[in-house]
Amino acid sequence: MQQPLVSILIPAFNADRTVAIAIKSCMNQTYTNIEILVLNDGSIDYTATEINKFGKIRVINHEQNLGIANSRNRLLKEAKGEFIAWLDADDLMGKDRIEKQMEFLEKHPEIDVVGTWITTDSKIIAFKKLPTKSHLIKAHLWFKNCMVQPSILSKNFYVAESIFYNPQFDYMEDYELWYRLSKTKNFSNVPAFLNKYHMPLSRNLEKKLEKYDFETKLNLLWDLKWKDMNLDLAPIQKKVFQNFLYKFNKVKWSEANNIKKVLSTIKTKDNRLMVHYYRLLLFTRLSFFKKIAHFDLLFSVVWYPIMKYRYLV
């Protein structure tokens, strides 16, 4: 029986130091019925030279840099496979990644989008486990992204259903898409470390966040998320909660009350584990005397073993 064709899509911009290794990791897959598409998005270094060293790949060139979302959308429109796999130009696939993901989808036809656990080149977070159940992933996605873009393999529904990445959210275009799809598609992560993810240095990350105006785009996405929840919360409560999720400062007294209010308001049957996790995280960010005043937060610790078991943290 013929294996379904998997299109492996690699967007690349100024990636001359890493793109060749990324491509080789795709060519070394144990799953053999693949096509590799690499898009050079107007690079001004030697990315084109590195890509052109390979003969058995399809290459798409943008004369000018059009951005990551537009690059991903062009790749989706060019792909011929029944399934779509992603890799970024500075990441690597384990040799059996596609094989294991395809085996998983064959056993679980109800799943539309599947990622993997990842290893990284960071000394701080060397391994990253992610939730594996669709309902847990959907609950997690409301808080933060838990689907790692370069580890994704999915059914090729994009062009047929007119589903694409939104350029308005460049640099967090994947998170916006997964959150949008969480309303109509089912997700999973294969519980195996099948992808190596490059973690940018903090100074480089800060430059990227500034370049792509990350905070403005994050606020746009949160506007959508709050609208979906349709909760009676004050703007200050929403803002304080967002800062709590993405910043790691000590929490002030008034902020703690607002964050607790939000957590109690958003709690549902599906997201209760995430709520308990963030209650514990809030407790750790309080000063000693504030911990005493908010000792009730510590009661959430009884849920911690379940959180760990389901890989929510």
C-alpha atoms as a PDB file:
ATOM      1  CA  MET A   1       0.000   0.000   0.000  1.00  0.00           C
ATOM      2  CA  GLN A   2       1.373   3.394  -1.033  1.00  0.00           C
ATOM      3  CA  GLN A   3       2.317   5.717   1.815  1.00  0.00           C
ATOM      4  CA  PRO A   4       0.436   9.046   1.784  1.00  0.00           C
ATOM      5  CA  LEU A   5       2.569  11.926   0.510  1.00  0.00           C
ATOM      6  CA  VAL A   6       3.837  14.266   3.226  1.00  0.00           C
ATOM      7  CA  SER A   7       4.932  17.761   2.211  1.00  0.00           C
ATOM      8  CA  ILE A   8       7.673  19.073   4.509  1.00  0.00           C
ATOM      9  CA  LEU A   9       7.635  22.872   4.438  1.00  0.00           C
ATOM     10  CA  ILE A  10      10.614  25.023   5.473  1.00  0.00           C
ATOM     11  CA  PRO A  11      10.427  28.840   5.407  1.00  0.00           C
ATOM     12  CA  ALA A  12      13.891  30.414   5.497  1.00  0.00           C
ATOM     13  CA  PHE A  13      15.120  33.974   5.949  1.00  0.00           C
ATOM     14  CA  ASN A  14      18.806  34.772   6.455  1.00  0.00           C
ATOM     15  CA  ALA A  15      19.418  31.220   7.646  1.00  0.00           C
ATOM     16  CA  ASP A  16      22.644  30.369   5.819  1.00  0.00           C
ATOM     17  CA  ARG A  17      24.248  28.925   8.973  1.00  0.00           C
ATOM     18  CA  THR A  18      21.518  26.401   9.714  1.00  0.00           C
ATOM     19  CA  VAL A  19      19.253  25.724   6.727  1.00  0.00           C
ATOM     20  CA  ALA A  20      21.443  22.991   5.182  1.00  0.00           C
ATOM     21  CA  ILE A  21      21.394  20.937   8.394  1.00  0.00           C
ATOM     22  CA  ALA A  22      17.623  21.409   8.664  1.00  0.00           C
ATOM     23  CA  ILE A  23      17.148  20.135   5.099  1.00  0.00           C
ATOM     24  CA  LYS A  24      19.436  17.135   5.703  1.00  0.00           C
ATOM     25  CA  SER A  25      17.361  16.158   8.745  1.00  0.00           C
ATOM     26  CA  CYS A  26      14.309  16.044   6.447  1.00  0.00           C
ATOM     27  CA  MET A  27      16.096  14.023   3.761  1.00  0.00           C
ATOM     28  CA  ASN A  28      17.176  11.446   6.362  1.00  0.00           C
ATOM     29  CA  GLN A  29      13.614  10.573   7.417  1.00  0.00           C
ATOM     30  CA  THR A  30      12.695   6.893   7.757  1.00  0.00           C
ATOM     31  CA  TYR A  31       9.330   7.803   6.195  1.00  0.00           C
ATOM     32  CA  THR A  32      10.136   7.892   2.496  1.00  0.00           C
ATOM     33  CA  ASN A  33       7.140   9.350   0.605  1.00  0.00           C
ATOM     34  CA  ILE A  34       7.934  13.006   1.184  1.00  0.00           C
ATOM     35  CA  GLU A  35       8.441  16.175  -0.779  1.00  0.00           C
ATOM     36  CA  ILE A  36      10.581  18.964   0.672  1.00  0.00           C
ATOM     37  CA  LEU A  37       9.668  22.568  -0.134  1.00  0.00           C
ATOM     38  CA  VAL A  38      11.992  25.361   0.975  1.00  0.00           C
ATOM     39  CA  LEU A  39      10.982  29.000   0.636  1.00  0.00           C
ATOM     40  CA  ASN A  40      13.743  31.613   0.602  1.00  0.00           C
ATOM     41  CA  ASP A  41      11.959  34.748   1.793  1.00  0.00           C
ATOM     42  CA  GLY A  42      14.183  37.452   0.283  1.00  0.00           C
ATOM     43  CA  SER A  43      17.315  36.517   2.234  1.00  0.00           C
ATOM     44  CA  ILE A  44      20.313  38.844   1.856  1.00  0.00           C
ATOM     45  CA  ASP A  45      22.933  36.364   3.132  1.00  0.00           C
ATOM     46  CA  TYR A  46      23.992  33.020   1.595  1.00  0.00           C
ATOM     47  CA  THR A  47      20.735  31.183   2.294  1.00  0.00           C
ATOM     48  CA  ALA A  48      20.027  30.745  -1.438  1.00  0.00           C
ATOM     49  CA  THR A  49      23.486  29.259  -1.987  1.00  0.00           C
ATOM     50  CA  GLU A  50      22.992  26.741   0.823  1.00  0.00           C
ATOM     51  CA  ILE A  51      19.532  25.729  -0.406  1.00  0.00           C
ATOM     52  CA  ASN A  52      20.712  25.287  -3.991  1.00  0.00           C
ATOM     53  CA  LYS A  53      23.252  22.656  -2.909  1.00  0.00           C
ATOM     54  CA  PHE A  54      20.373  20.175  -2.712  1.00  0.00           C
ATOM     55  CA  GLY A  55      18.866  18.640  -5.827  1.00  0.00           C
ATOM     56  CA  LYS A  56      15.883  16.677  -4.522  1.00  0.00           C
ATOM     57  CA  ILE A  57      13.907  19.559  -3.089  1.00  0.00           C
ATOM     58  CA  ARG A  58      11.532  22.182  -4.465  1.00  0.00           C
ATOM     59  CA  VAL A  59      12.699  25.756  -3.973  1.00  0.00           C
ATOM     60  CA  ILE A  60      10.504  28.857  -3.942  1.00  0.00           C
ATOM     61  CA  ASN A  61      12.063  32.315  -3.944  1.00  0.00           C
ATOM     62  CA  HIS A  62      10.627  35.632  -2.823  1.00  0.00           C
ATOM     63  CA  GLU A  63      12.596  38.543  -4.246  1.00  0.00           C
ATOM     64  CA  GLN A  64      11.669  40.614  -1.201  1.00  0.00           C
ATOM     65  CA  ASN A  65      11.047  39.614   2.383  1.00  0.00           C
ATOM     66  CA  LEU A  66       7.272  39.183   2.755  1.00  0.00           C
ATOM     67  CA  GLY A  67       7.232  37.918   6.335  1.00  0.00           C
ATOM     68  CA  ILE A  68       6.776  34.557   7.987  1.00  0.00           C
ATOM     69  CA  ALA A  69       2.965  34.273   7.694  1.00  0.00           C
ATOM     70  CA  ASN A  70       2.991  35.067   3.981  1.00  0.00           C
ATOM     71  CA  SER A  71       5.829  32.571   3.512  1.00  0.00           C
ATOM     72  CA  ARG A  72       3.929  29.832   5.325  1.00  0.00           C
ATOM     73  CA  ASN A  73       0.807  30.554   3.270  1.00  0.00           C
ATOM     74  CA  ARG A  74       2.733  30.387  -0.012  1.00  0.00           C
ATOM     75  CA  LEU A  75       4.192  27.033   1.017  1.00  0.00           C
ATOM     76  CA  LEU A  76       0.729  25.714   1.879  1.00  0.00           C
ATOM     77  CA  LYS A  77      -0.558  26.726  -1.537  1.00  0.00           C
ATOM     78  CA  GLU A  78       2.388  25.007  -3.280  1.00  0.00           C
ATOM     79  CA  ALA A  79       2.269  21.771  -1.250  1.00  0.00           C
ATOM     80  CA  LYS A  80       1.030  18.626  -2.996  1.00  0.00           C
ATOM     81  CA  GLY A  81       0.899  16.275  -0.012  1.00  0.00           C
ATOM     82  CA  GLU A  82      -2.112  14.821   1.762  1.00  0.00           C
ATOM     83  CA  PHE A  83      -0.325  15.816   4.951  1.00  0.00           C
ATOM     84  CA  ILE A  84       1.686  18.907   5.883  1.00  0.00           C
ATOM     85  CA  ALA A  85       4.786  18.817   8.086  1.00  0.00           C
ATOM     86  CA  TRP A  86       6.650  21.923   9.231  1.00  0.00           C
ATOM     87  CA  LEU A  87      10.246  22.620  10.121  1.00  0.00           C
ATOM     88  CA  ASP A  88      11.905  25.974  10.694  1.00  0.00           C
ATOM     89  CA  ALA A  89      15.272  26.654   9.078  1.00  0.00           C
ATOM     90  CA  ASP A  90      17.141  26.625  12.406  1.00  0.00           C
ATOM     91  CA  ASP A  91      15.554  23.435  13.810  1.00  0.00           C
ATOM     92  CA  LEU A  92      16.066  19.697  13.277  1.00  0.00           C
ATOM     93  CA  MET A  93      13.857  16.628  12.839  1.00  0.00           C
ATOM     94  CA  GLY A  94      14.644  13.338  14.481  1.00  0.00           C
ATOM     95  CA  LYS A  95      15.039  10.733  11.741  1.00  0.00           C
ATOM     96  CA  ASP A  96      11.792   8.927  12.645  1.00  0.00           C
ATOM     97  CA  ARG A  97       9.681  12.003  13.394  1.00  0.00           C
ATOM     98  CA  ILE A  98       7.452  11.820  10.287  1.00  0.00           C
ATOM     99  CA  GLU A  99       7.083   8.047  10.589  1.00  0.00           C
ATOM    100  CA  LYS A 100       5.983   8.264  14.227  1.00  0.00           C
ATOM    101  CA  GLN A 101       3.559  11.134  13.602  1.00  0.00           C
ATOM    102  CA  MET A 102       2.010   9.360  10.612  1.00  0.00           C
ATOM    103  CA  GLU A 103       1.628   6.154  12.644  1.00  0.00           C
ATOM    104  CA  PHE A 104      -0.051   8.213  15.365  1.00  0.00           C
ATOM    105  CA  LEU A 105      -2.519   9.796  12.933  1.00  0.00           C
ATOM    106  CA  GLU A 106      -3.320   6.394  11.449  1.00  0.00           C
ATOM    107  CA  LYS A 107      -4.237   5.134  14.929  1.00  0.00           C
ATOM    108  CA  HIS A 108      -6.072   8.353  15.819  1.00  0.00           C
ATOM    109  CA  PRO A 109      -7.985   9.510  12.707  1.00  0.00           C
ATOM    110  CA  GLU A 110      -9.976  11.977  14.815  1.00  0.00           C
ATOM    111  CA  ILE A 111      -6.833  14.107  15.284  1.00  0.00           C
ATOM    112  CA  ASP A 112      -6.224  16.868  12.722  1.00  0.00           C
ATOM    113  CA  VAL A 113      -3.011  18.485  13.995  1.00  0.00           C
ATOM    114  CA  VAL A 114      -0.218  16.702  15.872  1.00  0.00           C
ATOM    115  CA  GLY A 115       3.023  18.043  17.306  1.00  0.00           C
ATOM    116  CA  THR A 116       5.748  16.362  19.341  1.00  0.00           C
ATOM    117  CA  TRP A 117       7.688  16.829  22.517  1.00  0.00           C
ATOM    118  CA  ILE A 118      10.945  18.666  21.846  1.00  0.00           C
ATOM    119  CA  THR A 119      14.542  18.963  22.919  1.00  0.00           C
ATOM    120  CA  THR A 120      16.226  22.363  22.746  1.00  0.00           C
ATOM    121  CA  ASP A 121      19.718  23.841  22.615  1.00  0.00           C
ATOM    122  CA  SER A 122      19.002  25.813  25.789  1.00  0.00           C
ATOM    123  CA  LYS A 123      20.722  24.948  29.081  1.00  0.00           C
ATOM    124  CA  ILE A 124      17.691  26.260  30.968  1.00  0.00           C
ATOM    125  CA  ILE A 125      15.004  24.172  29.221  1.00  0.00           C
ATOM    126  CA  ALA A 126      16.696  21.174  27.592  1.00  0.00           C
ATOM    127  CA  PHE A 127      13.508  19.109  27.289  1.00  0.00           C
ATOM    128  CA  LYS A 128       9.933  20.240  26.816  1.00  0.00           C
ATOM    129  CA  LYS A 129       6.950  17.980  27.419  1.00  0.00           C
ATOM    130  CA  LEU A 130       3.561  19.147  26.217  1.00  0.00           C
ATOM    131  CA  PRO A 131      -0.030  18.027  26.806  1.00  0.00           C
ATOM    132  CA  THR A 132      -1.161  15.144  24.609  1.00  0.00           C
ATOM    133  CA  LYS A 133      -4.969  15.135  24.920  1.00  0.00           C
ATOM    134  CA  SER A 134      -7.009  17.365  22.621  1.00  0.00           C
ATOM    135  CA  HIS A 135      -9.282  18.827  25.307  1.00  0.00           C
ATOM    136  CA  LEU A 136      -6.288  19.652  27.518  1.00  0.00           C
ATOM    137  CA  ILE A 137      -4.439  21.279  24.616  1.00  0.00           C
ATOM    138  CA  LYS A 138      -7.472  23.409  23.793  1.00  0.00           C
ATOM    139  CA  ALA A 139      -7.714  24.526  27.425  1.00  0.00           C
ATOM    140  CA  HIS A 140      -3.969  25.233  27.492  1.00  0.00           C
ATOM    141  CA  LEU A 141      -4.117  27.272  24.273  1.00  0.00           C
ATOM    142  CA  TRP A 142      -6.325  29.867  25.923  1.00  0.00           C
ATOM    143  CA  PHE A 143      -3.503  30.637  28.359  1.00  0.00           C
ATOM    144  CA  LYS A 144      -0.400  30.043  26.237  1.00  0.00           C
ATOM    145  CA  ASN A 145       0.773  28.237  23.124  1.00  0.00           C
ATOM    146  CA  CYS A 146       1.502  24.525  23.613  1.00  0.00           C
ATOM    147  CA  MET A 147       1.830  23.474  19.958  1.00  0.00           C
ATOM    148  CA  VAL A 148       5.412  23.901  18.735  1.00  0.00           C
ATOM    149  CA  GLN A 149       5.224  25.127  15.137  1.00  0.00           C
ATOM    150  CA  PRO A 150       8.314  23.326  13.703  1.00  0.00           C
ATOM    151  CA  SER A 151       7.121  20.015  15.177  1.00  0.00           C
ATOM    152  CA  ILE A 152       3.664  20.137  13.562  1.00  0.00           C
ATOM    153  CA  LEU A 153       2.258  17.559  11.162  1.00  0.00           C
ATOM    154  CA  SER A 154      -1.360  17.896  10.074  1.00  0.00           C
ATOM    155  CA  LYS A 155      -3.922  16.851   7.545  1.00  0.00           C
ATOM    156  CA  ASN A 156      -3.795  19.126   4.500  1.00  0.00           C
ATOM    157  CA  PHE A 157      -7.095  20.960   4.955  1.00  0.00           C
ATOM    158  CA  TYR A 158      -5.713  24.480   4.536  1.00  0.00           C
ATOM    159  CA  VAL A 159      -6.395  25.421   0.907  1.00  0.00           C
ATOM    160  CA  ALA A 160      -9.644  23.433   0.666  1.00  0.00           C
ATOM    161  CA  GLU A 161     -11.036  25.141   3.764  1.00  0.00           C
ATOM    162  CA  SER A 162      -9.384  28.533   3.138  1.00  0.00           C
ATOM    163  CA  ILE A 163      -7.490  28.372   6.431  1.00  0.00           C
ATOM    164  CA  PHE A 164      -4.206  30.286   6.498  1.00  0.00           C
ATOM    165  CA  TYR A 165      -1.804  32.086   8.817  1.00  0.00           C
ATOM    166  CA  ASN A 166      -2.740  35.699   9.529  1.00  0.00           C
ATOM    167  CA  PRO A 167       0.074  38.159   8.560  1.00  0.00           C
ATOM    168  CA  GLN A 168      -1.297  40.597  11.131  1.00  0.00           C
ATOM    169  CA  PHE A 169       0.178  38.274  13.784  1.00  0.00           C
ATOM    170  CA  ASP A 170       3.669  37.726  12.311  1.00  0.00           C
ATOM    171  CA  TYR A 171       6.052  36.099  14.812  1.00  0.00           C
ATOM    172  CA  MET A 172       3.103  34.682  16.735  1.00  0.00           C
ATOM    173  CA  GLU A 173       1.182  33.646  13.633  1.00  0.00           C
ATOM    174  CA  ASP A 174       1.274  30.002  14.692  1.00  0.00           C
ATOM    175  CA  TYR A 175      -0.298  30.656  18.098  1.00  0.00           C
ATOM    176  CA  GLU A 176      -3.102  32.693  16.536  1.00  0.00           C
ATOM    177  CA  LEU A 177      -3.778  29.902  14.041  1.00  0.00           C
ATOM    178  CA  TRP A 178      -3.812  27.095  16.629  1.00  0.00           C
ATOM    179  CA  TYR A 179      -6.082  29.137  18.887  1.00  0.00           C
ATOM    180  CA  ARG A 180      -8.409  29.797  15.944  1.00  0.00           C
ATOM    181  CA  LEU A 181      -8.407  26.128  14.923  1.00  0.00           C
ATOM    182  CA  SER A 182      -9.056  24.969  18.493  1.00  0.00           C
ATOM    183  CA  LYS A 183     -12.728  25.712  17.862  1.00  0.00           C
ATOM    184  CA  THR A 184     -13.009  23.308  14.907  1.00  0.00           C
ATOM    185  CA  LYS A 185     -10.037  20.884  14.880  1.00  0.00           C
ATOM    186  CA  ASN A 186      -8.596  18.268  17.233  1.00  0.00           C
ATOM    187  CA  PHE A 187      -5.016  18.395  18.495  1.00  0.00           C
ATOM    188  CA  SER A 188      -2.424  16.127  20.041  1.00  0.00           C
ATOM    189  CA  ASN A 189       1.299  15.894  20.734  1.00  0.00           C
ATOM    190  CA  VAL A 190       3.181  12.628  20.268  1.00  0.00           C
ATOM    191  CA  PRO A 191       4.745  11.879  23.683  1.00  0.00           C
ATOM    192  CA  ALA A 192       8.272  11.453  22.304  1.00  0.00           C
ATOM    193  CA  PHE A 193      11.170  13.859  21.753  1.00  0.00           C
ATOM    194  CA  LEU A 194      11.180  13.948  17.947  1.00  0.00           C
ATOM    195  CA  ASN A 195      12.277  17.510  17.201  1.00  0.00           C
ATOM    196  CA  LYS A 196      15.183  19.745  18.234  1.00  0.00           C
ATOM    197  CA  TYR A 197      14.122  23.349  18.684  1.00  0.00           C
ATOM    198  CA  HIS A 198      16.455  26.331  18.581  1.00  0.00           C
ATOM    199  CA  MET A 199      15.934  28.688  21.522  1.00  0.00           C
ATOM    200  CA  PRO A 200      17.120  32.215  20.636  1.00  0.00           C
ATOM    201  CA  LEU A 201      19.443  33.975  23.056  1.00  0.00           C
ATOM    202  CA  SER A 202      17.629  36.441  25.287  1.00  0.00           C
ATOM    203  CA  ARG A 203      19.188  39.485  23.599  1.00  0.00           C
ATOM    204  CA  ASN A 204      18.208  38.183  20.147  1.00  0.00           C
ATOM    205  CA  LEU A 205      14.733  37.357  21.371  1.00  0.00           C
ATOM    206  CA  GLU A 206      14.278  40.877  22.729  1.00  0.00           C
ATOM    207  CA  LYS A 207      15.268  42.329  19.335  1.00  0.00           C
ATOM    208  CA  LYS A 208      12.757  40.075  17.565  1.00  0.00           C
ATOM    209  CA  LEU A 209       9.976  40.957  19.997  1.00  0.00           C
ATOM    210  CA  GLU A 210      10.644  44.641  19.412  1.00  0.00           C
ATOM    211  CA  LYS A 211      10.990  44.259  15.629  1.00  0.00           C
ATOM    212  CA  TYR A 212       7.676  42.443  15.269  1.00  0.00           C
ATOM    213  CA  ASP A 213       5.856  44.565  17.867  1.00  0.00           C
ATOM    214  CA  PHE A 214       5.055  41.402  19.803  1.00  0.00           C
ATOM    215  CA  GLU A 215       3.211  43.101  22.655  1.00  0.00           C
ATOM    216  CA  THR A 216       0.718  44.835  20.339  1.00  0.00           C
ATOM    217  CA  LYS A 217      -0.018  41.571  18.529  1.00  0.00           C
ATOM    218  CA  LEU A 218      -0.335  39.696  21.799  1.00  0.00           C
ATOM    219  CA  ASN A 219      -2.877  42.251  22.989  1.00  0.00           C
ATOM    220  CA  LEU A 220      -4.830  41.783  19.746  1.00  0.00           C
ATOM    221  CA  LEU A 221      -4.969  38.056  20.342  1.00  0.00           C
ATOM    222  CA  TRP A 222      -6.012  38.558  23.943  1.00  0.00           C
ATOM    223  CA  ASP A 223      -8.831  40.827  22.789  1.00  0.00           C
ATOM    224  CA  LEU A 224     -10.119  37.839  20.806  1.00  0.00           C
ATOM    225  CA  LYS A 225      -9.683  35.463  23.721  1.00  0.00           C
ATOM    226  CA  TRP A 226     -11.489  37.711  26.194  1.00  0.00           C
ATOM    227  CA  LYS A 227     -14.299  38.180  23.675  1.00  0.00           C
ATOM    228  CA  ASP A 228     -14.654  34.405  23.345  1.00  0.00           C
ATOM    229  CA  MET A 229     -14.855  33.998  27.117  1.00  0.00           C
ATOM    230  CA  ASN A 230     -17.453  36.805  27.437  1.00  0.00           C
ATOM    231  CA  LEU A 231     -16.696  37.460  31.100  1.00  0.00           C
ATOM    232  CA  ASP A 232     -17.637  40.346  33.361  1.00  0.00           C
ATOM    233  CA  LEU A 233     -14.110  41.499  34.141  1.00  0.00           C
ATOM    234  CA  ALA A 234     -12.697  45.011  34.387  1.00  0.00           C
ATOM    235  CA  PRO A 235     -10.011  46.063  31.872  1.00  0.00           C
ATOM    236  CA  ILE A 236      -7.455  46.432  34.683  1.00  0.00           C
ATOM    237  CA  GLN A 237      -8.107  42.845  35.809  1.00  0.00           C
ATOM    238  CA  LYS A 238      -7.548  41.559  32.273  1.00  0.00           C
ATOM    239  CA  LYS A 239      -4.360  43.583  31.849  1.00  0.00           C
ATOM    240  CA  VAL A 240      -2.909  42.487  35.188  1.00  0.00           C
ATOM    241  CA  PHE A 241      -3.653  38.863  34.356  1.00  0.00           C
ATOM    242  CA  GLN A 242      -1.964  39.102  30.949  1.00  0.00           C
ATOM    243  CA  ASN A 243       1.135  40.640  32.540  1.00  0.00           C
ATOM    244  CA  PHE A 244       1.160  37.857  35.105  1.00  0.00           C
ATOM    245  CA  LEU A 245       1.244  35.208  32.364  1.00  0.00           C
ATOM    246  CA  TYR A 246       4.076  36.762  30.367  1.00  0.00           C
ATOM    247  CA  LYS A 247       6.172  38.656  32.910  1.00  0.00           C
ATOM    248  CA  PHE A 248       7.976  37.170  35.862  1.00  0.00           C
ATOM    249  CA  ASN A 249       8.013  39.984  38.395  1.00  0.00           C
ATOM    250  CA  LYS A 250       6.909  39.733  41.988  1.00  0.00           C
ATOM    251  CA  VAL A 251       3.169  40.294  42.261  1.00  0.00           C
ATOM    252  CA  LYS A 252       1.862  43.331  44.146  1.00  0.00           C
ATOM    253  CA  TRP A 253      -0.927  43.111  46.711  1.00  0.00           C
ATOM    254  CA  SER A 254      -3.636  44.641  44.524  1.00  0.00           C
ATOM    255  CA  GLU A 255      -2.477  42.585  41.540  1.00  0.00           C
ATOM    256  CA  ALA A 256      -2.804  39.350  43.501  1.00  0.00           C
ATOM    257  CA  ASN A 257      -6.472  40.058  44.244  1.00  0.00           C
ATOM    258  CA  ASN A 258      -7.171  40.824  40.596  1.00  0.00           C
ATOM    259  CA  ILE A 259      -5.388  37.701  39.362  1.00  0.00           C
ATOM    260  CA  LYS A 260      -7.278  35.515  41.834  1.00  0.00           C
ATOM    261  CA  LYS A 261     -10.528  37.103  40.679  1.00  0.00           C
ATOM    262  CA  VAL A 262      -9.736  36.323  37.035  1.00  0.00           C
ATOM    263  CA  LEU A 263      -8.730  32.730  37.807  1.00  0.00           C
ATOM    264  CA  SER A 264     -11.914  32.078  39.756  1.00  0.00           C
ATOM    265  CA  THR A 265     -14.007  33.652  36.988  1.00  0.00           C
ATOM    266  CA  ILE A 266     -12.493  31.753  34.071  1.00  0.00           C
ATOM    267  CA  LYS A 267     -12.439  28.355  35.775  1.00  0.00           C
ATOM    268  CA  THR A 268     -14.352  25.664  33.887  1.00  0.00           C
ATOM    269  CA  LYS A 269     -14.401  21.884  33.942  1.00  0.00           C
ATOM    270  CA  ASP A 270     -11.980  21.735  30.999  1.00  0.00           C
ATOM    271  CA  ASN A 271      -9.425  24.269  32.230  1.00  0.00           C
ATOM    272  CA  ARG A 272      -9.473  23.610  35.980  1.00  0.00           C
ATOM    273  CA  LEU A 273      -6.006  22.025  35.968  1.00  0.00           C
ATOM    274  CA  MET A 274      -4.573  25.101  34.267  1.00  0.00           C
ATOM    275  CA  VAL A 275      -6.317  27.342  36.789  1.00  0.00           C
ATOM    276  CA  HIS A 276      -4.848  25.363  39.694  1.00  0.00           C
ATOM    277  CA  TYR A 277      -1.410  25.541  38.082  1.00  0.00           C
ATOM    278  CA  TYR A 278      -1.593  29.323  37.812  1.00  0.00           C
ATOM    279  CA  ARG A 279      -2.887  29.634  41.358  1.00  0.00           C
ATOM    280  CA  LEU A 280       0.260  27.843  42.505  1.00  0.00           C
ATOM    281  CA  LEU A 281       2.413  30.011  40.248  1.00  0.00           C
ATOM    282  CA  LEU A 282       0.799  33.106  41.744  1.00  0.00           C
ATOM    283  CA  PHE A 283       1.627  31.842  45.244  1.00  0.00           C
ATOM    284  CA  THR A 284       5.327  31.473  44.326  1.00  0.00           C
ATOM    285  CA  ARG A 285       5.471  35.087  43.109  1.00  0.00           C
ATOM    286  CA  LEU A 286       4.179  36.589  46.338  1.00  0.00           C
ATOM    287  CA  SER A 287       6.332  37.935  49.147  1.00  0.00           C
ATOM    288  CA  PHE A 288       6.358  36.073  52.475  1.00  0.00           C
ATOM    289  CA  PHE A 289       3.630  38.176  54.128  1.00  0.00           C
ATOM    290  CA  LYS A 290       1.488  38.120  50.991  1.00  0.00           C
ATOM    291  CA  LYS A 291       1.805  34.322  50.952  1.00  0.00           C
ATOM    292  CA  ILE A 292       0.284  34.243  54.427  1.00  0.00           C
ATOM    293  CA  ALA A 293      -2.601  36.474  53.328  1.00  0.00           C
ATOM    294  CA  HIS A 294      -3.228  34.316  50.265  1.00  0.00           C
ATOM    295  CA  PHE A 295      -2.511  30.943  51.839  1.00  0.00           C
ATOM    296  CA  ASP A 296      -5.637  29.512  50.190  1.00  0.00           C
ATOM    297  CA  LEU A 297      -3.731  29.459  46.894  1.00  0.00           C
ATOM    298  CA  LEU A 298      -1.585  26.659  48.267  1.00  0.00           C
ATOM    299  CA  PHE A 299      -4.586  24.328  48.431  1.00  0.00           C
ATOM    300  CA  SER A 300      -4.187  23.876  44.679  1.00  0.00           C
ATOM    301  CA  VAL A 301      -1.091  21.788  45.358  1.00  0.00           C
ATOM    302  CA  VAL A 302      -3.309  18.690  45.674  1.00  0.00           C
ATOM    303  CA  TRP A 303      -3.793  18.902  41.893  1.00  0.00           C
ATOM    304  CA  TYR A 304      -0.062  19.091  41.144  1.00  0.00           C
ATOM    305  CA  PRO A 305       0.536  15.332  40.616  1.00  0.00           C
ATOM    306  CA  ILE A 306      -2.275  15.243  38.054  1.00  0.00           C
ATOM    307  CA  MET A 307      -0.828  18.294  36.310  1.00  0.00           C
ATOM    308  CA  LYS A 308       2.567  16.626  36.038  1.00  0.00           C
ATOM    309  CA  TYR A 309       1.038  13.363  34.861  1.00  0.00           C
ATOM    310  CA  ARG A 310      -0.824  15.125  32.070  1.00  0.00           C
ATOM    311  CA  TYR A 311       2.218  17.237  31.143  1.00  0.00           C
ATOM    312  CA  LEU A 312       0.547  20.558  31.638  1.00  0.00           C
ATOM    313  CA  VAL A 313       3.561  22.194  33.271  1.00  0.00           C
END
